[in-house]
Amino acid sequence: MAFTIARYHYGVFFTLDFLMAMLVVFLVLLSAGHMLLAIPTIEKTFRSVQGLRRLYLGGRGG
């Protein structure tokens, strides 16, 4: 009887741990996907900042 309860107990906790792990992996992949989507935007922003700096410095040191 106790063995059955313990097995059920650990089975439930294992399932919860598994679901939590899947959730964490999903969130990590989601944020990584957002980063991949944001890279071109970051690159554009960086280029425009470089362009502004070049304009501001009059074409030297950029």
PDB file of N, CA and C in Angstrom:
ATOM      1  N   MET A   1       0.838  -1.204   0.000  1.00  0.00           N
ATOM      2  CA  MET A   1       0.000   0.000   0.000  1.00  0.00           C
ATOM      3  C   MET A   1       0.874   1.256   0.000  1.00  0.00           C
ATOM      4  N   ALA A   2       1.801   1.310   0.932  1.00  0.00           N
ATOM      5  CA  ALA A   2       2.692   2.472   1.014  1.00  0.00           C
ATOM      6  C   ALA A   2       3.505   2.610  -0.273  1.00  0.00           C
ATOM      7  N   PHE A   3       3.906   1.469  -0.828  1.00  0.00           N
ATOM      8  CA  PHE A   3       4.690   1.504  -2.060  1.00  0.00           C
ATOM      9  C   PHE A   3       3.876   2.123  -3.191  1.00  0.00           C
ATOM     10  N   THR A   4       2.599   1.740  -3.276  1.00  0.00           N
ATOM     11  CA  THR A   4       1.729   2.284  -4.315  1.00  0.00           C
ATOM     12  C   THR A   4       1.566   3.787  -4.149  1.00  0.00           C
ATOM     13  N   ILE A   5       1.360   4.247  -2.909  1.00  0.00           N
ATOM     14  CA  ILE A   5       1.208   5.680  -2.642  1.00  0.00           C
ATOM     15  C   ILE A   5       2.490   6.416  -3.021  1.00  0.00           C
ATOM     16  N   ALA A   6       3.638   5.850  -2.614  1.00  0.00           N
ATOM     17  CA  ALA A   6       4.917   6.491  -2.914  1.00  0.00           C
ATOM     18  C   ALA A   6       5.126   6.556  -4.428  1.00  0.00           C
ATOM     19  N   ARG A   7       4.797   5.465  -5.127  1.00  0.00           N
ATOM     20  CA  ARG A   7       4.985   5.445  -6.577  1.00  0.00           C
ATOM     21  C   ARG A   7       4.080   6.486  -7.225  1.00  0.00           C
ATOM     22  N   TYR A   8       2.840   6.567  -6.766  1.00  0.00           N
ATOM     23  CA  TYR A   8       1.913   7.563  -7.308  1.00  0.00           C
ATOM     24  C   TYR A   8       2.431   8.967  -7.015  1.00  0.00           C
ATOM     25  N   HIS A   9       2.888   9.165  -5.784  1.00  0.00           N
ATOM     26  CA  HIS A   9       3.389  10.466  -5.344  1.00  0.00           C
ATOM     27  C   HIS A   9       4.561  10.900  -6.231  1.00  0.00           C
ATOM     28  N   TYR A  10       5.544  10.019  -6.377  1.00  0.00           N
ATOM     29  CA  TYR A  10       6.712  10.378  -7.177  1.00  0.00           C
ATOM     30  C   TYR A  10       6.366  10.485  -8.652  1.00  0.00           C
ATOM     31  N   GLY A  11       5.403   9.689  -9.081  1.00  0.00           N
ATOM     32  CA  GLY A  11       4.957   9.799 -10.467  1.00  0.00           C
ATOM     33  C   GLY A  11       4.378  11.173 -10.744  1.00  0.00           C
ATOM     34  N   VAL A  12       3.539  11.669  -9.828  1.00  0.00           N
ATOM     35  CA  VAL A  12       2.952  12.994  -9.981  1.00  0.00           C
ATOM     36  C   VAL A  12       4.044  14.053  -9.973  1.00  0.00           C
ATOM     37  N   PHE A  13       4.981  13.916  -9.020  1.00  0.00           N
ATOM     38  CA  PHE A  13       6.029  14.925  -8.939  1.00  0.00           C
ATOM     39  C   PHE A  13       6.942  14.871 -10.151  1.00  0.00           C
ATOM     40  N   PHE A  14       7.199  13.672 -10.654  1.00  0.00           N
ATOM     41  CA  PHE A  14       8.013  13.560 -11.860  1.00  0.00           C
ATOM     42  C   PHE A  14       7.317  14.243 -13.030  1.00  0.00           C
ATOM     43  N   THR A  15       6.002  14.047 -13.133  1.00  0.00           N
ATOM     44  CA  THR A  15       5.240  14.678 -14.207  1.00  0.00           C
ATOM     45  C   THR A  15       5.301  16.194 -14.085  1.00  0.00           C
ATOM     46  N   LEU A  16       5.144  16.702 -12.861  1.00  0.00           N
ATOM     47  CA  LEU A  16       5.215  18.146 -12.647  1.00  0.00           C
ATOM     48  C   LEU A  16       6.597  18.671 -13.004  1.00  0.00           C
ATOM     49  N   ASP A  17       7.647  17.952 -12.581  1.00  0.00           N
ATOM     50  CA  ASP A  17       9.007  18.367 -12.918  1.00  0.00           C
ATOM     51  C   ASP A  17       9.195  18.385 -14.423  1.00  0.00           C
ATOM     52  N   PHE A  18       8.673  17.356 -15.087  1.00  0.00           N
ATOM     53  CA  PHE A  18       8.795  17.269 -16.538  1.00  0.00           C
ATOM     54  C   PHE A  18       8.086  18.439 -17.206  1.00  0.00           C
ATOM     55  N   LEU A  19       6.874  18.750 -16.743  1.00  0.00           N
ATOM     56  CA  LEU A  19       6.127  19.871 -17.315  1.00  0.00           C
ATOM     57  C   LEU A  19       6.843  21.187 -17.070  1.00  0.00           C
ATOM     58  N   MET A  20       7.397  21.359 -15.878  1.00  0.00           N
ATOM     59  CA  MET A  20       8.143  22.575 -15.575  1.00  0.00           C
ATOM     60  C   MET A  20       9.361  22.698 -16.485  1.00  0.00           C
ATOM     61  N   ALA A  21      10.066  21.578 -16.681  1.00  0.00           N
ATOM     62  CA  ALA A  21      11.237  21.588 -17.552  1.00  0.00           C
ATOM     63  C   ALA A  21      10.833  21.948 -18.980  1.00  0.00           C
ATOM     64  N   MET A  22       9.733  21.375 -19.455  1.00  0.00           N
ATOM     65  CA  MET A  22       9.256  21.686 -20.798  1.00  0.00           C
ATOM     66  C   MET A  22       8.891  23.160 -20.906  1.00  0.00           C
ATOM     67  N   LEU A  23       8.267  23.700 -19.866  1.00  0.00           N
ATOM     68  CA  LEU A  23       7.891  25.108 -19.856  1.00  0.00           C
ATOM     69  C   LEU A  23       9.131  25.990 -19.932  1.00  0.00           C
ATOM     70  N   VAL A  24      10.146  25.649 -19.139  1.00  0.00           N
ATOM     71  CA  VAL A  24      11.393  26.424 -19.144  1.00  0.00           C
ATOM     72  C   VAL A  24      12.043  26.374 -20.524  1.00  0.00           C
ATOM     73  N   VAL A  25      12.113  25.165 -21.103  1.00  0.00           N
ATOM     74  CA  VAL A  25      12.704  25.017 -22.437  1.00  0.00           C
ATOM     75  C   VAL A  25      11.919  25.836 -23.448  1.00  0.00           C
ATOM     76  N   PHE A  26      10.592  25.785 -23.354  1.00  0.00           N
ATOM     77  CA  PHE A  26       9.743  26.542 -24.273  1.00  0.00           C
ATOM     78  C   PHE A  26      10.013  28.035 -24.149  1.00  0.00           C
ATOM     79  N   LEU A  27      10.107  28.527 -22.912  1.00  0.00           N
ATOM     80  CA  LEU A  27      10.357  29.955 -22.697  1.00  0.00           C
ATOM     81  C   LEU A  27      11.729  30.352 -23.224  1.00  0.00           C
ATOM     82  N   VAL A  28      12.733  29.500 -22.995  1.00  0.00           N
ATOM     83  CA  VAL A  28      14.084  29.796 -23.487  1.00  0.00           C
ATOM     84  C   VAL A  28      14.086  29.855 -25.007  1.00  0.00           C
ATOM     85  N   LEU A  29      13.430  28.872 -25.643  1.00  0.00           N
ATOM     86  CA  LEU A  29      13.370  28.864 -27.106  1.00  0.00           C
ATOM     87  C   LEU A  29      12.610  30.076 -27.618  1.00  0.00           C
ATOM     88  N   LEU A  30      11.548  30.450 -26.908  1.00  0.00           N
ATOM     89  CA  LEU A  30      10.757  31.606 -27.314  1.00  0.00           C
ATOM     90  C   LEU A  30      11.599  32.874 -27.258  1.00  0.00           C
ATOM     91  N   SER A  31      12.321  33.059 -26.152  1.00  0.00           N
ATOM     92  CA  SER A  31      13.157  34.261 -26.034  1.00  0.00           C
ATOM     93  C   SER A  31      14.290  34.227 -27.049  1.00  0.00           C
ATOM     94  N   ALA A  32      14.843  33.035 -27.316  1.00  0.00           N
ATOM     95  CA  ALA A  32      15.891  32.922 -28.327  1.00  0.00           C
ATOM     96  C   ALA A  32      15.330  33.278 -29.698  1.00  0.00           C
ATOM     97  N   GLY A  33      14.111  32.841 -29.980  1.00  0.00           N
ATOM     98  CA  GLY A  33      13.464  33.186 -31.240  1.00  0.00           C
ATOM     99  C   GLY A  33      13.257  34.676 -31.368  1.00  0.00           C
ATOM    100  N   HIS A  34      12.842  35.317 -30.285  1.00  0.00           N
ATOM    101  CA  HIS A  34      12.674  36.766 -30.315  1.00  0.00           C
ATOM    102  C   HIS A  34      14.007  37.458 -30.556  1.00  0.00           C
ATOM    103  N   MET A  35      15.078  36.943 -29.949  1.00  0.00           N
ATOM    104  CA  MET A  35      16.405  37.514 -30.172  1.00  0.00           C
ATOM    105  C   MET A  35      16.797  37.374 -31.638  1.00  0.00           C
ATOM    106  N   LEU A  36      16.538  36.196 -32.220  1.00  0.00           N
ATOM    107  CA  LEU A  36      16.874  35.986 -33.630  1.00  0.00           C
ATOM    108  C   LEU A  36      16.079  36.931 -34.514  1.00  0.00           C
ATOM    109  N   LEU A  37      14.812  37.156 -34.161  1.00  0.00           N
ATOM    110  CA  LEU A  37      14.001  38.092 -34.933  1.00  0.00           C
ATOM    111  C   LEU A  37      14.483  39.522 -34.747  1.00  0.00           C
ATOM    112  N   ALA A  38      15.027  39.815 -33.562  1.00  0.00           N
ATOM    113  CA  ALA A  38      15.427  41.185 -33.255  1.00  0.00           C
ATOM    114  C   ALA A  38      16.799  41.530 -33.808  1.00  0.00           C
ATOM    115  N   ILE A  39      17.597  40.528 -34.184  1.00  0.00           N
ATOM    116  CA  ILE A  39      18.965  40.794 -34.644  1.00  0.00           C
ATOM    117  C   ILE A  39      19.007  41.758 -35.826  1.00  0.00           C
ATOM    118  N   PRO A  40      18.187  41.579 -36.878  1.00  0.00           N
ATOM    119  CA  PRO A  40      18.228  42.563 -37.973  1.00  0.00           C
ATOM    120  C   PRO A  40      17.893  43.971 -37.507  1.00  0.00           C
ATOM    121  N   THR A  41      16.939  44.101 -36.604  1.00  0.00           N
ATOM    122  CA  THR A  41      16.574  45.418 -36.075  1.00  0.00           C
ATOM    123  C   THR A  41      17.744  46.026 -35.319  1.00  0.00           C
ATOM    124  N   ILE A  42      18.393  45.212 -34.480  1.00  0.00           N
ATOM    125  CA  ILE A  42      19.560  45.690 -33.735  1.00  0.00           C
ATOM    126  C   ILE A  42      20.646  46.123 -34.710  1.00  0.00           C
ATOM    127  N   GLU A  43      20.846  45.332 -35.758  1.00  0.00           N
ATOM    128  CA  GLU A  43      21.876  45.647 -36.743  1.00  0.00           C
ATOM    129  C   GLU A  43      21.560  46.961 -37.444  1.00  0.00           C
ATOM    130  N   LYS A  44      20.295  47.143 -37.824  1.00  0.00           N
ATOM    131  CA  LYS A  44      19.883  48.402 -38.464  1.00  0.00           C
ATOM    132  C   LYS A  44      20.117  49.586 -37.537  1.00  0.00           C
ATOM    133  N   THR A  45      19.717  49.423 -36.284  1.00  0.00           N
ATOM    134  CA  THR A  45      19.915  50.497 -35.307  1.00  0.00           C
ATOM    135  C   THR A  45      21.391  50.816 -35.166  1.00  0.00           C
ATOM    136  N   PHE A  46      22.219  49.776 -35.076  1.00  0.00           N
ATOM    137  CA  PHE A  46      23.658  49.972 -34.933  1.00  0.00           C
ATOM    138  C   PHE A  46      24.215  50.705 -36.145  1.00  0.00           C
ATOM    139  N   ARG A  47      23.769  50.312 -37.343  1.00  0.00           N
ATOM    140  CA  ARG A  47      24.252  50.964 -38.564  1.00  0.00           C
ATOM    141  C   ARG A  47      23.822  52.417 -38.602  1.00  0.00           C
ATOM    142  N   SER A  48      22.594  52.701 -38.207  1.00  0.00           N
ATOM    143  CA  SER A  48      22.130  54.090 -38.227  1.00  0.00           C
ATOM    144  C   SER A  48      22.898  54.917 -37.203  1.00  0.00           C
ATOM    145  N   VAL A  49      23.216  54.304 -36.054  1.00  0.00           N
ATOM    146  CA  VAL A  49      24.033  55.007 -35.055  1.00  0.00           C
ATOM    147  C   VAL A  49      25.414  55.282 -35.627  1.00  0.00           C
ATOM    148  N   GLN A  50      25.991  54.303 -36.319  1.00  0.00           N
ATOM    149  CA  GLN A  50      27.289  54.511 -36.957  1.00  0.00           C
ATOM    150  C   GLN A  50      27.203  55.629 -37.988  1.00  0.00           C
ATOM    151  N   GLY A  51      26.123  55.620 -38.769  1.00  0.00           N
ATOM    152  CA  GLY A  51      25.938  56.659 -39.774  1.00  0.00           C
ATOM    153  C   GLY A  51      25.816  58.033 -39.149  1.00  0.00           C
ATOM    154  N   LEU A  52      25.055  58.127 -38.064  1.00  0.00           N
ATOM    155  CA  LEU A  52      24.919  59.406 -37.364  1.00  0.00           C
ATOM    156  C   LEU A  52      26.258  59.868 -36.810  1.00  0.00           C
ATOM    157  N   ARG A  53      27.016  58.915 -36.270  1.00  0.00           N
ATOM    158  CA  ARG A  53      28.318  59.271 -35.716  1.00  0.00           C
ATOM    159  C   ARG A  53      29.247  59.765 -36.825  1.00  0.00           C
ATOM    160  N   ARG A  54      29.176  59.097 -37.975  1.00  0.00           N
ATOM    161  CA  ARG A  54      30.005  59.502 -39.107  1.00  0.00           C
ATOM    162  C   ARG A  54      29.626  60.911 -39.552  1.00  0.00           C
ATOM    163  N   LEU A  55      28.303  61.167 -39.606  1.00  0.00           N
ATOM    164  CA  LEU A  55      27.823  62.506 -39.952  1.00  0.00           C
ATOM    165  C   LEU A  55      28.323  63.529 -38.936  1.00  0.00           C
ATOM    166  N   TYR A  56      28.178  63.163 -37.665  1.00  0.00           N
ATOM    167  CA  TYR A  56      28.521  64.089 -36.582  1.00  0.00           C
ATOM    168  C   TYR A  56      30.018  64.393 -36.573  1.00  0.00           C
ATOM    169  N   LEU A  57      30.823  63.358 -36.848  1.00  0.00           N
ATOM    170  CA  LEU A  57      32.275  63.539 -36.820  1.00  0.00           C
ATOM    171  C   LEU A  57      32.807  64.076 -38.146  1.00  0.00           C
ATOM    172  N   GLY A  58      31.922  64.273 -39.109  1.00  0.00           N
ATOM    173  CA  GLY A  58      32.362  64.799 -40.392  1.00  0.00           C
ATOM    174  C   GLY A  58      33.167  63.802 -41.194  1.00  0.00           C
ATOM    175  N   GLY A  59      32.873  62.516 -41.005  1.00  0.00           N
ATOM    176  CA  GLY A  59      33.511  61.506 -41.836  1.00  0.00           C
ATOM    177  C   GLY A  59      34.829  61.001 -41.301  1.00  0.00           C
ATOM    178  N   ARG A  60      35.349  61.526 -40.185  1.00  0.00           N
ATOM    179  CA  ARG A  60      36.618  60.996 -39.681  1.00  0.00           C
ATOM    180  C   ARG A  60      36.374  60.108 -38.454  1.00  0.00           C
ATOM    181  N   GLY A  61      37.248  59.151 -38.313  1.00  0.00           N
ATOM    182  CA  GLY A  61      37.215  58.281 -37.147  1.00  0.00           C
ATOM    183  C   GLY A  61      35.977  57.425 -37.040  1.00  0.00           C
ATOM    184  N   GLY A  62      35.382  57.082 -38.172  1.00  0.00           N
ATOM    185  CA  GLY A  62      34.197  56.264 -38.055  1.00  0.00           C
ATOM    186  C   GLY A  62      34.249  55.084 -38.969  1.00  0.00           C
TER     187      GLY A  62
END
